[in-house]
Amino acid sequence: MRGVLWSCLVFLLALAPLAARAESRLVDFEVASKRFDGAKVGVSPVRKVVAYLPDGYEAGSRRYPVVYFLPNLFDDQRAVFDRDGARAALDRAIDDGAVPPLILVSADFSTPAGSSFYATSPVTGDWTGFLAKDLVAAVDGRFRTLPPRPRAVCWATAWAATARSARPWSRRACSDRSTPCTPSARESACRP
């Protein structure tokens, strides 16, 4: 009996650091925008958004830099997390000191015609305004961000090159076809 109790105590002590450790989390929310009023393909004005909050976000008052991730053209806002493992990759990168703690935001840029191509048009609406104004304002209003900068735009494929129209309000534009928007050996692809 004493051996069982000792084993349980050792097991619980081993779990204590895991239980005490805060975790990163994903927050799903919606942003309403009038920038799609009059779009010829009937784009919903309510866009789904997911934000990655780093470990320790809930425990303090620190402000964080924000990276806006533009999904692949036919992916939704959650694919980078659910399919591509961005949450785990960011957790590792932050834990290893490769990147500072940050907020990663991914929004739904789809239309009934497929992708918005992140471009403003009378057919799909004002996506540049949505990204640069409405989404940024919603994120800044909801989370502890570092206003007004640093911000970054990162896209998953070269197809999203039209997002360069957002560069005046961002510090970086990253292009990486295969990995979540975290620094890597491709650091030269992301320049201030």
Protein backbone atom coordinates (compact mmCIF):
# COMPACT_ATOMS: atom_id res chain seq x y z
CA MET A 1 0.00 0.00 0.00
CA ARG A 2 2.81 2.36 0.87
CA GLY A 3 4.40 1.73 -2.56
CA VAL A 4 1.14 2.63 -4.35
CA LEU A 5 0.81 5.87 -2.38
CA TRP A 6 4.44 6.74 -3.08
CA SER A 7 3.92 6.06 -6.80
CA CYS A 8 0.81 8.26 -6.87
CA LEU A 9 2.64 11.08 -5.10
CA VAL A 10 5.54 10.93 -7.56
CA PHE A 11 3.08 10.86 -10.48
CA LEU A 12 1.17 13.90 -9.16
CA LEU A 13 4.39 15.82 -8.53
CA ALA A 14 5.48 15.07 -12.08
CA LEU A 15 2.17 16.45 -13.40
CA ALA A 16 2.25 19.62 -11.28
CA PRO A 17 4.38 21.66 -13.72
CA LEU A 18 2.04 20.69 -16.55
CA ALA A 19 -1.06 21.68 -14.61
CA ALA A 20 0.45 25.01 -13.55
CA ARG A 21 1.58 25.90 -17.07
CA ALA A 22 -0.70 28.26 -18.94
CA GLU A 23 -1.30 27.41 -22.57
CA SER A 24 -1.74 29.25 -25.79
CA ARG A 25 -5.29 29.31 -27.05
CA LEU A 26 -7.34 29.96 -30.15
CA VAL A 27 -10.18 32.48 -30.01
CA ASP A 28 -12.92 32.35 -32.64
CA PHE A 29 -14.90 35.54 -33.25
CA GLU A 30 -16.64 37.44 -36.04
CA VAL A 31 -16.09 40.85 -37.60
CA ALA A 32 -18.95 42.69 -39.32
CA SER A 33 -17.98 44.99 -42.18
CA LYS A 34 -19.92 47.27 -44.49
CA ARG A 35 -17.13 46.98 -47.08
CA PHE A 36 -19.02 44.19 -48.84
CA ASP A 37 -22.29 46.10 -49.28
CA GLY A 38 -23.10 46.11 -52.97
CA ALA A 39 -20.68 43.31 -53.87
CA LYS A 40 -22.11 41.63 -56.97
CA VAL A 41 -21.58 38.07 -55.68
CA GLY A 42 -23.33 38.63 -52.34
CA VAL A 43 -20.44 38.42 -49.90
CA SER A 44 -21.51 38.01 -46.28
CA PRO A 45 -20.67 41.14 -44.26
CA VAL A 46 -19.90 38.96 -41.21
CA ARG A 47 -16.45 37.38 -41.50
CA LYS A 48 -15.18 34.54 -39.30
CA VAL A 49 -11.82 35.12 -37.63
CA VAL A 50 -9.55 33.07 -35.39
CA ALA A 51 -6.74 34.49 -33.26
CA TYR A 52 -3.83 32.65 -31.67
CA LEU A 53 -3.01 34.02 -28.22
CA PRO A 54 0.38 32.99 -26.80
CA ASP A 55 1.02 31.20 -23.54
CA GLY A 56 0.71 33.73 -20.70
CA TYR A 57 -1.64 36.10 -22.52
CA GLU A 58 -4.40 35.68 -19.94
CA ALA A 59 -2.09 36.17 -16.96
CA GLY A 60 -0.75 39.63 -17.64
CA SER A 61 -1.19 43.05 -19.15
CA ARG A 62 1.57 42.83 -21.77
CA ARG A 63 0.81 44.04 -25.31
CA TYR A 64 1.71 41.88 -28.30
CA PRO A 65 2.70 42.34 -31.94
CA VAL A 66 0.19 41.00 -34.46
CA VAL A 67 0.72 38.94 -37.60
CA TYR A 68 -2.21 38.80 -40.04
CA PHE A 69 -2.13 35.48 -41.87
CA LEU A 70 -3.83 35.30 -45.27
CA PRO A 71 -4.89 31.69 -45.88
CA ASN A 72 -4.41 29.79 -49.12
CA LEU A 73 -6.96 30.92 -51.66
CA PHE A 74 -9.46 28.14 -51.01
CA ASP A 75 -8.80 27.52 -47.31
CA ASP A 76 -10.84 28.89 -44.47
CA GLN A 77 -9.54 30.83 -41.49
CA ARG A 78 -8.96 27.71 -39.36
CA ALA A 79 -6.97 25.59 -41.85
CA VAL A 80 -3.60 27.00 -40.77
CA PHE A 81 -4.37 25.83 -37.22
CA ASP A 82 -6.46 22.69 -37.71
CA ARG A 83 -4.66 21.18 -40.69
CA ASP A 84 -1.25 22.84 -40.74
CA GLY A 85 -0.47 22.89 -37.01
CA ALA A 86 0.30 26.60 -36.64
CA ARG A 87 -0.60 26.63 -32.96
CA ALA A 88 1.96 23.94 -32.08
CA ALA A 89 4.55 25.50 -34.42
CA LEU A 90 4.11 28.92 -32.80
CA ASP A 91 4.22 27.42 -29.32
CA ARG A 92 7.54 25.75 -30.15
CA ALA A 93 8.99 28.82 -31.85
CA ILE A 94 8.06 31.05 -28.91
CA ASP A 95 9.29 28.50 -26.33
CA ASP A 96 12.59 28.17 -28.24
CA GLY A 97 12.99 31.95 -28.41
CA ALA A 98 12.91 31.94 -32.22
CA VAL A 99 10.07 34.49 -32.21
CA PRO A 100 8.71 36.74 -29.48
CA PRO A 101 5.24 36.03 -28.12
CA LEU A 102 2.74 37.31 -30.70
CA ILE A 103 -0.87 37.21 -31.80
CA LEU A 104 -1.57 35.46 -35.11
CA VAL A 105 -4.87 36.35 -36.79
CA SER A 106 -6.45 34.45 -39.68
CA ALA A 107 -9.73 35.57 -41.25
CA ASP A 108 -12.18 34.14 -43.76
CA PHE A 109 -11.50 35.73 -47.16
CA SER A 110 -13.85 33.49 -49.14
CA THR A 111 -16.69 34.58 -51.41
CA PRO A 112 -19.55 32.67 -53.04
CA ALA A 113 -17.36 32.67 -56.18
CA GLY A 114 -14.44 31.04 -54.31
CA SER A 115 -11.61 33.24 -53.14
CA SER A 116 -11.52 37.01 -52.86
CA PHE A 117 -7.89 36.94 -54.05
CA TYR A 118 -7.46 39.55 -51.27
CA ALA A 119 -8.28 42.25 -53.81
CA THR A 120 -10.84 45.01 -53.91
CA SER A 121 -13.34 44.82 -56.75
CA PRO A 122 -16.98 45.70 -57.43
CA VAL A 123 -17.63 41.96 -57.76
CA THR A 124 -16.31 40.82 -54.36
CA GLY A 125 -16.10 44.02 -52.27
CA ASP A 126 -13.40 46.04 -50.53
CA TRP A 127 -11.05 43.37 -49.16
CA THR A 128 -8.14 45.77 -48.76
CA GLY A 129 -10.25 48.01 -46.54
CA PHE A 130 -11.54 45.03 -44.60
CA LEU A 131 -8.01 43.79 -43.91
CA ALA A 132 -6.27 47.11 -43.30
CA LYS A 133 -9.05 48.90 -41.43
CA ASP A 134 -11.92 46.74 -40.14
CA LEU A 135 -9.99 43.62 -39.17
CA VAL A 136 -7.14 45.58 -37.60
CA ALA A 137 -9.60 47.76 -35.64
CA ALA A 138 -11.50 44.66 -34.43
CA VAL A 139 -8.30 42.92 -33.32
CA ASP A 140 -6.91 46.08 -31.67
CA GLY A 141 -10.23 46.55 -29.86
CA ARG A 142 -10.47 42.96 -28.64
CA PHE A 143 -6.87 42.07 -27.77
CA ARG A 144 -3.86 43.72 -26.15
CA THR A 145 -1.91 44.65 -29.28
CA LEU A 146 1.03 46.98 -29.80
CA PRO A 147 -0.57 49.98 -31.47
CA PRO A 148 0.00 51.21 -34.06
CA ARG A 149 2.87 48.88 -34.97
CA PRO A 150 4.44 46.38 -35.35
CA ARG A 151 2.07 44.49 -37.58
CA ALA A 152 2.85 42.01 -40.30
CA VAL A 153 1.02 40.40 -43.18
CA CYS A 154 1.94 36.86 -44.06
CA TRP A 155 0.38 34.84 -46.82
CA ALA A 156 0.54 31.17 -47.56
CA THR A 157 1.09 31.27 -51.31
CA ALA A 158 2.50 33.54 -53.95
CA TRP A 159 -1.03 33.69 -55.36
CA ALA A 160 -1.84 36.20 -52.64
CA ALA A 161 0.58 38.74 -54.08
CA THR A 162 -2.31 41.18 -54.41
CA ALA A 163 -2.06 41.55 -50.63
CA ARG A 164 0.90 43.82 -51.27
CA SER A 165 -1.61 46.63 -51.42
CA ALA A 166 -1.72 46.26 -47.63
CA ARG A 167 2.01 46.95 -47.25
CA PRO A 168 1.69 50.64 -46.37
CA TRP A 169 0.21 49.68 -42.99
CA SER A 170 2.39 46.65 -42.37
CA ARG A 171 6.03 46.29 -41.51
CA ARG A 172 6.61 43.04 -43.35
CA ALA A 173 5.17 40.95 -46.08
CA CYS A 174 6.06 37.29 -45.92
CA SER A 175 5.65 34.68 -48.60
CA ASP A 176 6.06 31.05 -47.72
CA ARG A 177 4.32 28.25 -49.56
CA SER A 178 4.75 25.41 -47.11
CA THR A 179 4.88 26.45 -43.46
CA PRO A 180 2.93 28.56 -41.00
CA CYS A 181 4.12 32.14 -40.68
CA THR A 182 7.02 31.55 -38.34
CA PRO A 183 10.65 32.50 -38.84
CA SER A 184 12.75 29.74 -40.30
CA ALA A 185 15.67 29.24 -42.59
CA ARG A 186 13.70 31.40 -45.00
CA GLU A 187 14.20 34.50 -42.83
CA SER A 188 15.41 36.35 -45.90
CA ALA A 189 11.90 36.03 -47.36
CA CYS A 190 10.57 38.27 -44.58
CA ARG A 191 12.29 41.62 -44.46
CA PRO A 192 11.24 44.75 -42.59
